[in-house]
Protein backbone atom coordinates (compact mmCIF):
# COMPACT_ATOMS: atom_id res chain seq x y z
CA MET A 1 0.23 -0.10 0.11
CA LEU A 2 1.65 3.59 -1.19
CA ARG A 3 1.12 5.63 1.60
CA ILE A 4 2.01 9.38 0.63
CA LEU A 5 2.38 11.70 3.64
CA ARG A 6 1.24 15.24 2.95
CA SER A 7 -0.20 18.72 4.34
CA THR A 8 -3.49 19.53 5.10
CA VAL A 9 -3.56 22.99 3.26
CA PHE A 10 -6.60 22.46 1.45
CA GLY A 11 -8.56 21.36 4.95
CA LEU A 12 -7.67 24.41 5.87
CA VAL A 13 -9.23 26.21 3.11
CA PHE A 14 -12.11 24.44 4.00
CA LEU A 15 -12.90 25.03 7.42
CA LEU A 16 -12.17 28.99 6.61
CA GLY A 17 -14.99 28.67 4.28
CA LEU A 18 -17.42 27.64 7.20
CA PHE A 19 -17.33 31.32 8.37
CA THR A 20 -18.48 32.64 4.98
CA ALA A 21 -21.98 33.63 5.04
CA SER A 22 -23.84 33.02 1.69
CA PRO A 23 -26.51 35.87 0.75
CA PRO A 24 -29.47 34.93 -0.87
CA ALA A 25 -28.88 34.36 -4.81
CA SER A 26 -31.44 35.53 -7.33
CA ALA A 27 -31.37 34.17 -11.19
CA ALA A 28 -33.60 37.29 -12.42
CA ASP A 29 -30.17 39.45 -13.13
CA TYR A 30 -27.86 36.41 -13.32
CA PRO A 31 -24.85 36.96 -13.88
CA ASN A 32 -24.49 40.58 -13.03
CA ARG A 33 -20.88 40.58 -12.18
CA PRO A 34 -17.84 38.08 -13.03
CA VAL A 35 -18.00 34.28 -12.19
CA HIS A 36 -14.79 32.69 -10.91
CA TRP A 37 -13.61 29.21 -12.15
CA MET A 38 -11.92 27.62 -9.63
CA ILE A 39 -9.26 25.11 -11.66
CA GLY A 40 -7.36 22.69 -9.93
CA PHE A 41 -4.54 22.69 -11.81
CA ALA A 42 -1.34 24.87 -13.35
CA ALA A 43 -2.26 26.78 -16.44
CA GLY A 44 -1.28 25.39 -19.46
CA GLY A 45 -2.11 21.90 -18.51
CA PRO A 46 -5.47 20.02 -20.14
CA VAL A 47 -7.96 21.43 -17.90
CA ASP A 48 -6.60 24.88 -18.27
CA ILE A 49 -6.83 25.01 -21.96
CA VAL A 50 -10.48 23.36 -22.04
CA ALA A 51 -11.39 26.07 -19.15
CA ARG A 52 -10.49 28.83 -21.14
CA ILE A 53 -12.36 27.64 -24.33
CA MET A 54 -15.46 27.33 -21.97
CA ALA A 55 -15.01 30.53 -20.12
CA GLN A 56 -14.81 32.58 -22.89
CA ALA A 57 -17.94 30.67 -24.65
CA LEU A 58 -19.78 31.64 -21.18
CA SER A 59 -18.71 35.31 -21.20
CA ASP A 60 -19.77 35.81 -24.95
CA ARG A 61 -22.85 34.43 -24.00
CA LEU A 62 -23.91 35.61 -20.55
CA GLY A 63 -22.26 38.54 -20.68
CA GLN A 64 -19.90 38.73 -17.88
CA GLN A 65 -16.52 37.75 -17.12
CA PHE A 66 -15.71 33.88 -16.50
CA ILE A 67 -12.53 34.30 -15.02
CA VAL A 68 -10.40 31.33 -14.41
CA GLU A 69 -8.99 30.97 -11.16
CA ASN A 70 -6.01 28.26 -11.23
CA ARG A 71 -5.80 26.62 -7.55
CA ALA A 72 -3.11 24.10 -8.25
CA GLY A 73 -2.29 21.17 -5.55
CA SER A 74 -3.37 18.34 -3.67
CA GLY A 75 -4.94 16.67 -6.85
CA GLY A 76 -7.39 19.31 -7.19
CA ASN A 77 -8.41 19.18 -3.67
CA ILE A 78 -7.66 22.85 -3.04
CA ALA A 79 -9.62 24.11 -5.47
CA ALA A 80 -12.54 21.79 -4.60
CA ALA A 81 -12.43 23.14 -0.94
CA ALA A 82 -12.23 26.69 -2.06
CA ALA A 83 -15.40 26.42 -4.42
CA ILE A 84 -17.26 24.24 -2.01
CA ASN A 85 -17.38 26.46 0.50
CA ALA A 86 -17.91 29.84 -1.24
CA PRO A 87 -21.36 31.38 -1.52
CA ALA A 88 -23.79 29.34 -3.14
CA ASP A 89 -24.97 32.20 -5.31
CA GLY A 90 -23.69 30.92 -9.05
CA TYR A 91 -20.56 33.32 -8.71
CA THR A 92 -17.84 30.47 -7.89
CA LEU A 93 -17.94 27.51 -9.80
CA LEU A 94 -15.57 24.12 -10.20
CA PHE A 95 -14.14 22.68 -12.97
CA VAL A 96 -14.84 18.55 -12.43
CA ALA A 97 -12.64 16.32 -13.80
CA PRO A 98 -11.69 12.41 -12.88
CA ASN A 99 -9.58 13.62 -9.97
CA ASN A 100 -12.67 14.68 -7.90
CA ALA A 101 -14.28 11.47 -8.42
CA ILE A 102 -11.24 9.45 -7.87
CA SER A 103 -10.39 11.81 -4.69
CA THR A 104 -13.04 10.06 -2.57
CA SER A 105 -11.42 6.88 -2.07
CA LEU A 106 -7.94 7.86 -2.51
CA TYR A 107 -7.55 10.91 0.22
CA LYS A 108 -8.24 9.32 3.32
CA LYS A 109 -8.60 12.70 5.30
CA LEU A 110 -10.68 15.02 2.82
CA PRO A 111 -12.56 17.67 5.07
CA PHE A 112 -15.91 17.02 2.42
CA ASP A 113 -17.56 14.65 0.61
CA PHE A 114 -17.57 15.72 -3.03
CA LEU A 115 -21.13 14.31 -4.18
CA ARG A 116 -22.84 15.57 -1.02
CA ASP A 117 -21.40 18.97 -1.01
CA THR A 118 -21.59 19.92 -4.61
CA THR A 119 -24.43 20.58 -7.13
CA PRO A 120 -23.85 19.35 -10.37
CA VAL A 121 -24.22 21.84 -13.23
CA ALA A 122 -23.17 20.91 -16.65
CA SER A 123 -20.61 18.32 -18.70
CA ILE A 124 -18.67 19.52 -20.89
CA MET A 125 -16.60 16.86 -22.96
CA GLN A 126 -15.16 13.61 -22.80
CA LEU A 127 -11.79 12.44 -23.26
CA THR A 128 -9.04 10.01 -23.02
CA ASN A 129 -5.36 9.96 -21.72
CA MET A 130 -2.40 9.42 -23.78
CA LEU A 131 0.66 7.53 -22.39
CA VAL A 132 3.73 9.53 -24.13
CA VAL A 133 7.52 8.63 -23.46
CA SER A 134 10.39 10.92 -23.61
CA ASN A 135 12.04 10.69 -26.88
CA ALA A 136 15.14 9.15 -25.28
CA MET A 137 13.18 6.08 -24.27
CA PRO A 138 14.35 3.30 -26.72
CA VAL A 139 10.39 2.33 -26.95
CA LYS A 140 8.07 2.51 -29.70
CA THR A 141 5.12 0.31 -28.71
CA VAL A 142 3.08 -0.56 -25.44
CA GLN A 143 4.85 -4.05 -25.64
CA GLU A 144 8.18 -2.45 -26.22
CA PHE A 145 7.86 -0.36 -23.62
CA ILE A 146 6.57 -3.02 -20.95
CA ASP A 147 9.38 -5.28 -22.03
CA TYR A 148 11.66 -2.21 -20.96
CA CYS A 149 10.02 -1.67 -17.73
CA LYS A 150 10.66 -5.36 -16.94
CA ALA A 151 14.03 -5.36 -18.29
CA ASN A 152 15.00 -2.14 -16.22
CA PRO A 153 13.10 -2.76 -12.44
CA GLY A 154 12.96 0.59 -10.86
CA GLN A 155 14.37 3.03 -13.25
CA ILE A 156 11.56 4.45 -14.65
CA SER A 157 9.59 7.45 -13.29
CA PHE A 158 6.31 8.58 -14.51
CA ALA A 159 5.29 12.19 -14.04
CA SER A 160 1.72 13.18 -12.89
CA SER A 161 -0.45 16.52 -12.82
CA GLY A 162 -0.73 15.46 -8.99
CA ASN A 163 -1.97 12.71 -6.72
CA GLY A 164 -5.36 11.54 -7.20
CA THR A 165 -5.73 12.83 -11.24
CA SER A 166 -6.52 10.37 -13.76
CA VAL A 167 -3.00 10.98 -14.88
CA HIS A 168 -1.80 9.08 -11.75
CA MET A 169 -4.28 6.62 -11.84
CA SER A 170 -3.87 5.76 -15.14
CA ALA A 171 -0.22 4.80 -14.33
CA GLU A 172 -1.17 2.86 -11.06
CA LEU A 173 -3.67 0.74 -13.11
CA PHE A 174 -1.04 -0.06 -15.72
CA LYS A 175 1.38 -0.52 -13.07
CA ALA A 176 -1.19 -2.95 -11.42
CA MET A 177 -2.18 -4.74 -14.17
CA THR A 178 1.30 -5.06 -16.17
CA LYS A 179 3.35 -5.82 -13.21
CA CYS A 180 5.73 -3.08 -14.46
CA ASP A 181 8.10 -1.21 -11.36
CA MET A 182 7.71 2.27 -11.87
CA GLN A 183 8.45 5.36 -9.59
CA HIS A 184 5.63 8.08 -9.04
CA VAL A 185 6.73 12.00 -9.63
CA PRO A 186 3.65 14.11 -8.95
CA TYR A 187 3.68 17.78 -10.43
CA ARG A 188 0.97 20.39 -9.59
CA GLY A 189 -0.13 20.10 -13.11
CA SER A 190 1.26 18.27 -16.32
CA ALA A 191 2.10 21.40 -18.07
CA LEU A 192 5.20 21.57 -15.42
CA ALA A 193 5.93 17.98 -15.84
CA PHE A 194 6.97 18.10 -19.53
CA PRO A 195 10.51 19.98 -19.70
CA ASP A 196 11.46 17.30 -17.28
CA ILE A 197 9.70 14.23 -19.49
CA ILE A 198 11.72 16.11 -22.51
CA SER A 199 14.70 16.16 -20.97
CA ASN A 200 14.41 12.55 -19.73
CA LYS A 201 14.50 13.51 -15.87
CA VAL A 202 11.02 11.78 -15.92
CA GLN A 203 10.45 9.15 -18.34
CA LEU A 204 6.43 9.31 -18.92
CA ILE A 205 3.19 10.05 -18.37
CA PHE A 206 -0.26 9.04 -19.14
CA ASP A 207 -1.33 12.60 -19.45
CA ASN A 208 -4.92 14.23 -20.97
CA LEU A 209 -5.20 13.96 -24.57
CA PRO A 210 -5.40 17.91 -25.20
CA SER A 211 -1.74 19.02 -23.54
CA ALA A 212 -0.52 15.07 -24.57
CA LEU A 213 -1.17 15.84 -28.15
CA GLU A 214 0.19 18.93 -28.12
CA GLN A 215 3.55 17.58 -26.99
CA SER A 216 3.71 14.94 -29.26
CA ARG A 217 2.74 16.90 -32.23
CA GLY A 218 5.25 19.01 -31.84
CA GLY A 219 7.95 16.23 -31.60
CA ASN A 220 8.91 16.70 -28.21
CA VAL A 221 7.54 13.26 -27.08
CA ARG A 222 6.75 9.86 -28.35
CA ALA A 223 2.67 8.70 -28.21
CA ILE A 224 2.53 4.90 -27.57
CA GLY A 225 -0.92 4.83 -26.48
CA VAL A 226 -4.19 5.63 -25.61
CA THR A 227 -6.41 4.70 -22.14
CA SER A 228 -9.87 4.35 -23.80
CA PRO A 229 -10.83 0.67 -24.69
CA GLN A 230 -10.97 1.41 -28.12
CA ARG A 231 -8.60 3.94 -30.20
CA TRP A 232 -9.83 7.48 -29.89
CA PRO A 233 -11.52 9.37 -33.00
CA SER A 234 -8.95 12.12 -33.12
CA VAL A 235 -5.99 10.45 -32.95
CA PRO A 236 -6.52 6.69 -34.84
CA ASP A 237 -3.08 6.17 -35.37
CA VAL A 238 -2.38 5.57 -32.27
CA PRO A 239 -3.13 2.39 -30.52
CA ALA A 240 -5.59 1.63 -27.53
CA ILE A 241 -3.16 0.25 -24.55
CA ALA A 242 -6.08 -2.25 -24.34
CA GLU A 243 -4.87 -3.74 -27.91
CA THR A 244 -1.70 -5.02 -25.70
CA VAL A 245 -3.35 -5.17 -22.20
CA PRO A 246 -6.61 -6.51 -22.24
CA GLY A 247 -9.38 -4.73 -20.23
CA PHE A 248 -7.08 -1.95 -19.45
CA GLU A 249 -9.35 1.34 -19.60
CA SER A 250 -9.57 4.90 -18.33
CA VAL A 251 -11.61 7.54 -20.12
CA GLY A 252 -12.15 10.81 -18.33
CA PHE A 253 -14.97 13.72 -18.38
CA TYR A 254 -14.84 17.46 -17.79
CA GLY A 255 -17.69 19.31 -16.56
CA ILE A 256 -18.96 22.03 -14.23
CA SER A 257 -20.21 21.76 -10.35
CA ALA A 258 -21.16 24.65 -7.96
CA PRO A 259 -21.44 24.73 -4.13
CA LYS A 260 -24.42 22.83 -2.83
CA GLY A 261 -27.59 24.59 -2.32
CA THR A 262 -26.80 26.74 -5.61
CA PRO A 263 -30.21 27.88 -6.64
CA PRO A 264 -31.94 25.61 -9.93
CA GLU A 265 -32.80 28.41 -11.54
CA ILE A 266 -28.99 29.63 -12.04
CA VAL A 267 -27.65 26.16 -12.51
CA GLU A 268 -30.17 26.16 -15.16
CA ILE A 269 -28.77 29.22 -16.99
CA LEU A 270 -25.53 27.94 -16.67
CA ASN A 271 -26.66 24.57 -18.04
CA LYS A 272 -28.29 25.89 -20.99
CA ALA A 273 -25.10 28.33 -21.66
CA VAL A 274 -22.94 25.43 -21.70
CA GLY A 275 -25.06 23.23 -24.09
CA GLU A 276 -25.25 26.22 -26.68
CA ALA A 277 -21.65 26.55 -26.39
CA LEU A 278 -21.34 23.43 -27.07
CA LYS A 279 -23.50 23.48 -30.40
CA ASP A 280 -21.59 26.30 -31.21
CA PRO A 281 -19.37 24.73 -34.45
CA LYS A 282 -16.32 26.91 -33.38
CA VAL A 283 -16.22 26.11 -29.77
CA ALA A 284 -16.49 22.06 -30.41
CA ALA A 285 -14.06 22.38 -33.29
CA ARG A 286 -11.95 24.19 -30.53
CA LEU A 287 -12.48 21.09 -28.19
CA THR A 288 -12.07 18.28 -30.90
CA GLU A 289 -8.74 19.73 -32.12
CA ASN A 290 -8.07 19.25 -28.12
CA GLY A 291 -8.81 15.59 -28.25
CA GLY A 292 -12.31 15.94 -26.84
CA ILE A 293 -15.63 15.01 -27.59
CA PRO A 294 -18.34 17.29 -26.78
CA LYS A 295 -20.89 15.67 -24.17
CA PRO A 296 -24.00 18.32 -23.22
CA MET A 297 -25.59 16.74 -20.42
CA THR A 298 -28.59 17.87 -18.34
CA PRO A 299 -27.38 18.46 -14.54
CA ALA A 300 -29.35 15.32 -13.29
CA GLU A 301 -27.23 13.43 -16.00
CA PHE A 302 -23.79 14.90 -15.03
CA GLY A 303 -24.34 14.11 -11.11
CA LYS A 304 -25.00 10.58 -12.33
CA LEU A 305 -21.98 9.98 -14.58
CA VAL A 306 -19.70 11.51 -11.47
CA ALA A 307 -21.61 9.06 -8.90
CA ASN A 308 -21.20 6.24 -11.54
CA GLU A 309 -17.19 7.49 -11.96
CA THR A 310 -16.78 7.95 -8.31
CA ASP A 311 -17.93 4.15 -7.59
CA LYS A 312 -15.68 2.92 -10.54
CA TRP A 313 -12.55 4.77 -9.51
CA ARG A 314 -13.18 3.20 -6.21
CA LYS A 315 -12.71 -0.35 -7.68
CA VAL A 316 -9.60 0.97 -9.51
CA VAL A 317 -8.06 2.65 -6.06
CA GLU A 318 -8.55 -0.58 -4.12
CA PHE A 319 -7.48 -2.91 -7.04
CA ALA A 320 -4.29 -0.79 -7.71
CA GLY A 321 -3.72 -0.79 -3.72
CA VAL A 322 -2.77 3.17 -3.37
CA SER A 323 -4.04 5.88 -0.95
CA VAL A 324 -2.95 9.26 -0.32
CA ASP A 325 -2.88 10.52 3.79
């Protein structure tokens, strides 16, 4: 059992929020001031890329600026705590990704219950992760990579965008299913990891497709597999890892949640705006270019998805035998 000692900064953020009063919210003129959108990862990473595309689209449709706030750290839990404890008035939102579903079972001392303490707002898109390796690695296929790992036990390091992210857990699942001996090196977002991968200080990452695709297209790293059960539409030439490791699967999702108690009328305004944005050919094209598949849902449908993903990742956490304190 991997046990990682870490600080509880996000716990302090959570407790501070308990003393924040929530003024009454009205949908009549919403939004009448800027909306703050908490992002749990550093600027330049895949979550940040998609968040900024959607923030501009929402700003255009609702007439107020949607401000992306990067609150990196603790696998996105610092941002989650800040959003959960903000006033439930629609002016503080949270970018939701697989890390939020994973953290529920991976972190043993979270000061909040994500499903209980948030209100689902909208789904944005689905996406896969991509296994990319340093160009210095003498491997071009998943099988060659597995063989190389087993020939060099303990000498391979994998980066992640933080403990409890899908980037981290995709690698842990791969380790468990292939018996590869690799060391985890967490970063505060995948954008911060790529310089070390490019220089071969760290050998690989199972990154979200948007940033992995950008780096591989630029020739900085080599793409050898995607984590979806079949090949992904936007990168059909990259094999699914499942073609070599039967049963391997890690498909992610991006969406929006708000603090518990956010008025349904405001949730509906936001959901409608997201849905309209996803129907915009220009917005949809930008998401597709970044490796995603636009996936509009009602708030109830998105809430069910997050609940199902939480249950799925609990099983993966137990299978991989990892935890974070």
